[in-house]
Amino acid sequence: MLVHEAVVYRICPEAPTKRVVVARLHTGKQLPYFHSWGLSARHAILPLQHITFDMIKLMASGSVRDAFMPYDVGKPTKVALLPLDGSGDVITFELEGDVYFVHAINGFENATSVVYDATAYTVDFFTD
């Protein structure tokens, strides 16, 4: 079985072409389509939508719409918090049903919470 992962890199100011891995998230059999995601001081905020993007299908058909492939529809939508310092485990939250994220507006945290403001839909507008 193929295992996909999302990887967050840091760019080194002293060596701008060098990339350092700061966080990884194994996503299983599918790599969710990330139209946007959030970033706070200590976390990458990754919404794991129920669609993936098939580049081979895009090249074969020429249709962006046909390249979006739904999966796990009807299951809870997960949002993962990846610690950027590599010190802790990924924290995952579940949102009820299908949630599709378009644009991240803001990501920040305070003493007790991580906030992710984004435009979101309960229907898959990518393939509609």
C-alpha atoms as a PDB file:
ATOM      1  CA  MET A   1       0.000   0.000   0.000  1.00  0.00           C
ATOM      2  CA  LEU A   2       1.238   3.427  -0.875  1.00  0.00           C
ATOM      3  CA  VAL A   3       1.690   5.771   2.063  1.00  0.00           C
ATOM      4  CA  HIS A   4       1.618   9.498   1.486  1.00  0.00           C
ATOM      5  CA  GLU A   5       2.877  12.239   3.724  1.00  0.00           C
ATOM      6  CA  ALA A   6       2.782  16.012   4.018  1.00  0.00           C
ATOM      7  CA  VAL A   7       6.155  17.510   4.901  1.00  0.00           C
ATOM      8  CA  VAL A   8       6.777  20.979   6.332  1.00  0.00           C
ATOM      9  CA  TYR A   9      10.181  22.491   5.603  1.00  0.00           C
ATOM     10  CA  ARG A  10      12.038  25.473   7.038  1.00  0.00           C
ATOM     11  CA  ILE A  11      14.151  27.665   4.777  1.00  0.00           C
ATOM     12  CA  CYS A  12      17.486  28.567   6.338  1.00  0.00           C
ATOM     13  CA  PRO A  13      18.207  32.325   6.102  1.00  0.00           C
ATOM     14  CA  GLU A  14      21.963  31.707   6.078  1.00  0.00           C
ATOM     15  CA  ALA A  15      21.608  29.161   3.249  1.00  0.00           C
ATOM     16  CA  PRO A  16      18.471  30.068   1.222  1.00  0.00           C
ATOM     17  CA  THR A  17      18.628  26.978  -0.976  1.00  0.00           C
ATOM     18  CA  LYS A  18      18.789  24.607   2.003  1.00  0.00           C
ATOM     19  CA  ARG A  19      15.561  23.079   3.320  1.00  0.00           C
ATOM     20  CA  VAL A  20      15.238  21.459   6.738  1.00  0.00           C
ATOM     21  CA  VAL A  21      12.355  19.095   7.558  1.00  0.00           C
ATOM     22  CA  VAL A  22      10.566  20.321  10.685  1.00  0.00           C
ATOM     23  CA  ALA A  23       7.393  18.184  10.633  1.00  0.00           C
ATOM     24  CA  ARG A  24       5.881  15.197   8.837  1.00  0.00           C
ATOM     25  CA  LEU A  25       2.348  13.872   8.691  1.00  0.00           C
ATOM     26  CA  HIS A  26       1.610  10.428   7.253  1.00  0.00           C
ATOM     27  CA  THR A  27      -1.767  10.688   5.532  1.00  0.00           C
ATOM     28  CA  GLY A  28      -2.241   7.050   4.527  1.00  0.00           C
ATOM     29  CA  LYS A  29      -3.553   5.906   1.156  1.00  0.00           C
ATOM     30  CA  GLN A  30      -4.407   9.425  -0.044  1.00  0.00           C
ATOM     31  CA  LEU A  31      -2.679  12.789   0.074  1.00  0.00           C
ATOM     32  CA  PRO A  32      -5.388  15.362   0.785  1.00  0.00           C
ATOM     33  CA  TYR A  33      -5.560  18.361  -1.498  1.00  0.00           C
ATOM     34  CA  PHE A  34      -4.154  21.354   0.392  1.00  0.00           C
ATOM     35  CA  HIS A  35      -5.563  24.510  -1.179  1.00  0.00           C
ATOM     36  CA  SER A  36      -4.349  26.395   1.856  1.00  0.00           C
ATOM     37  CA  TRP A  37      -3.189  25.710   5.382  1.00  0.00           C
ATOM     38  CA  GLY A  38      -2.359  27.676   8.509  1.00  0.00           C
ATOM     39  CA  LEU A  39       0.763  28.533  10.398  1.00  0.00           C
ATOM     40  CA  SER A  40       1.047  29.751  13.965  1.00  0.00           C
ATOM     41  CA  ALA A  41       4.174  30.428  15.994  1.00  0.00           C
ATOM     42  CA  ARG A  42       4.506  26.779  17.030  1.00  0.00           C
ATOM     43  CA  HIS A  43       2.296  24.722  14.670  1.00  0.00           C
ATOM     44  CA  ALA A  44       1.504  23.999  11.059  1.00  0.00           C
ATOM     45  CA  ILE A  45      -2.293  23.678  10.798  1.00  0.00           C
ATOM     46  CA  LEU A  46      -3.263  21.173   8.112  1.00  0.00           C
ATOM     47  CA  PRO A  47      -6.920  20.643   7.155  1.00  0.00           C
ATOM     48  CA  LEU A  48      -7.248  17.117   5.746  1.00  0.00           C
ATOM     49  CA  GLN A  49      -9.999  17.502   3.182  1.00  0.00           C
ATOM     50  CA  HIS A  50     -11.836  14.558   1.632  1.00  0.00           C
ATOM     51  CA  ILE A  51     -10.436  15.162  -1.838  1.00  0.00           C
ATOM     52  CA  THR A  52      -7.125  14.499  -3.543  1.00  0.00           C
ATOM     53  CA  PHE A  53      -5.714  15.760  -6.825  1.00  0.00           C
ATOM     54  CA  ASP A  54      -4.736  13.274  -9.538  1.00  0.00           C
ATOM     55  CA  MET A  55      -2.065  14.918 -11.712  1.00  0.00           C
ATOM     56  CA  ILE A  56      -2.008  11.964 -14.144  1.00  0.00           C
ATOM     57  CA  LYS A  57      -5.755  12.344 -14.711  1.00  0.00           C
ATOM     58  CA  LEU A  58      -5.248  16.072 -15.345  1.00  0.00           C
ATOM     59  CA  MET A  59      -2.574  15.375 -17.949  1.00  0.00           C
ATOM     60  CA  ALA A  60      -4.687  12.685 -19.632  1.00  0.00           C
ATOM     61  CA  SER A  61      -7.987  14.589 -19.698  1.00  0.00           C
ATOM     62  CA  GLY A  62      -6.853  18.208 -19.653  1.00  0.00           C
ATOM     63  CA  SER A  63      -9.626  18.915 -17.140  1.00  0.00           C
ATOM     64  CA  VAL A  64      -8.810  20.300 -13.706  1.00  0.00           C
ATOM     65  CA  ARG A  65     -12.309  19.384 -12.531  1.00  0.00           C
ATOM     66  CA  ASP A  66     -11.770  15.722 -13.465  1.00  0.00           C
ATOM     67  CA  ALA A  67      -8.475  15.646 -11.529  1.00  0.00           C
ATOM     68  CA  PHE A  68     -10.180  16.216  -8.156  1.00  0.00           C
ATOM     69  CA  MET A  69     -10.992  12.843  -6.646  1.00  0.00           C
ATOM     70  CA  PRO A  70     -13.230  12.549  -3.556  1.00  0.00           C
ATOM     71  CA  TYR A  71     -12.510   9.943  -0.867  1.00  0.00           C
ATOM     72  CA  ASP A  72     -13.745   9.186   2.664  1.00  0.00           C
ATOM     73  CA  VAL A  73     -16.833  11.317   1.990  1.00  0.00           C
ATOM     74  CA  GLY A  74     -19.194  11.385   4.959  1.00  0.00           C
ATOM     75  CA  LYS A  75     -16.502  10.632   7.515  1.00  0.00           C
ATOM     76  CA  PRO A  76     -15.289  13.271   9.981  1.00  0.00           C
ATOM     77  CA  THR A  77     -12.871  15.827   8.549  1.00  0.00           C
ATOM     78  CA  LYS A  78      -9.578  15.946  10.403  1.00  0.00           C
ATOM     79  CA  VAL A  79      -7.414  18.966  11.136  1.00  0.00           C
ATOM     80  CA  ALA A  80      -3.839  18.193  12.193  1.00  0.00           C
ATOM     81  CA  LEU A  81      -1.554  20.400  14.288  1.00  0.00           C
ATOM     82  CA  LEU A  82       2.090  19.624  13.558  1.00  0.00           C
ATOM     83  CA  PRO A  83       4.575  20.989  16.111  1.00  0.00           C
ATOM     84  CA  LEU A  84       7.252  22.964  14.276  1.00  0.00           C
ATOM     85  CA  ASP A  85       9.981  22.257  16.830  1.00  0.00           C
ATOM     86  CA  GLY A  86       9.736  18.486  16.322  1.00  0.00           C
ATOM     87  CA  SER A  87       9.243  17.970  20.047  1.00  0.00           C
ATOM     88  CA  GLY A  88       5.767  16.509  20.182  1.00  0.00           C
ATOM     89  CA  ASP A  89       3.212  14.299  18.595  1.00  0.00           C
ATOM     90  CA  VAL A  90       0.764  15.492  15.987  1.00  0.00           C
ATOM     91  CA  ILE A  91      -2.524  16.623  17.522  1.00  0.00           C
ATOM     92  CA  THR A  92      -5.591  15.765  15.431  1.00  0.00           C
ATOM     93  CA  PHE A  93      -9.078  17.227  15.758  1.00  0.00           C
ATOM     94  CA  GLU A  94     -12.177  15.901  14.032  1.00  0.00           C
ATOM     95  CA  LEU A  95     -14.889  18.085  12.545  1.00  0.00           C
ATOM     96  CA  GLU A  96     -18.267  16.505  11.982  1.00  0.00           C
ATOM     97  CA  GLY A  97     -18.916  15.470   8.380  1.00  0.00           C
ATOM     98  CA  ASP A  98     -17.344  16.894   5.244  1.00  0.00           C
ATOM     99  CA  VAL A  99     -15.597  20.262   5.482  1.00  0.00           C
ATOM    100  CA  TYR A 100     -13.763  21.732   2.487  1.00  0.00           C
ATOM    101  CA  PHE A 101     -11.295  24.572   3.103  1.00  0.00           C
ATOM    102  CA  VAL A 102     -10.471  27.195   0.520  1.00  0.00           C
ATOM    103  CA  HIS A 103      -8.335  30.029   1.902  1.00  0.00           C
ATOM    104  CA  ALA A 104      -6.548  30.389   5.211  1.00  0.00           C
ATOM    105  CA  ILE A 105      -7.218  33.820   6.655  1.00  0.00           C
ATOM    106  CA  ASN A 106      -5.350  33.683   9.933  1.00  0.00           C
ATOM    107  CA  GLY A 107      -3.543  31.253  12.198  1.00  0.00           C
ATOM    108  CA  PHE A 108      -2.376  32.107  15.702  1.00  0.00           C
ATOM    109  CA  GLU A 109      -2.254  30.758  19.215  1.00  0.00           C
ATOM    110  CA  ASN A 110      -2.550  31.972  22.768  1.00  0.00           C
ATOM    111  CA  ALA A 111      -1.892  30.289  26.127  1.00  0.00           C
ATOM    112  CA  THR A 112      -4.732  27.760  25.708  1.00  0.00           C
ATOM    113  CA  SER A 113      -5.726  27.551  22.039  1.00  0.00           C
ATOM    114  CA  VAL A 114      -4.693  27.417  18.423  1.00  0.00           C
ATOM    115  CA  VAL A 115      -6.989  29.411  16.134  1.00  0.00           C
ATOM    116  CA  TYR A 116      -7.366  28.757  12.417  1.00  0.00           C
ATOM    117  CA  ASP A 117      -9.641  31.118  10.500  1.00  0.00           C
ATOM    118  CA  ALA A 118     -10.502  29.897   7.012  1.00  0.00           C
ATOM    119  CA  THR A 119     -13.266  29.952   4.466  1.00  0.00           C
ATOM    120  CA  ALA A 120     -14.944  26.572   4.469  1.00  0.00           C
ATOM    121  CA  TYR A 121     -17.824  24.720   2.830  1.00  0.00           C
ATOM    122  CA  THR A 122     -19.778  21.569   3.631  1.00  0.00           C
ATOM    123  CA  VAL A 123     -20.005  20.621  -0.049  1.00  0.00           C
ATOM    124  CA  ASP A 124     -17.154  19.777  -2.421  1.00  0.00           C
ATOM    125  CA  PHE A 125     -17.061  22.869  -4.610  1.00  0.00           C
ATOM    126  CA  PHE A 126     -13.831  21.725  -6.296  1.00  0.00           C
ATOM    127  CA  THR A 127     -15.615  19.073  -8.394  1.00  0.00           C
ATOM    128  CA  ASP A 128     -18.948  20.893  -8.721  1.00  0.00           C
END
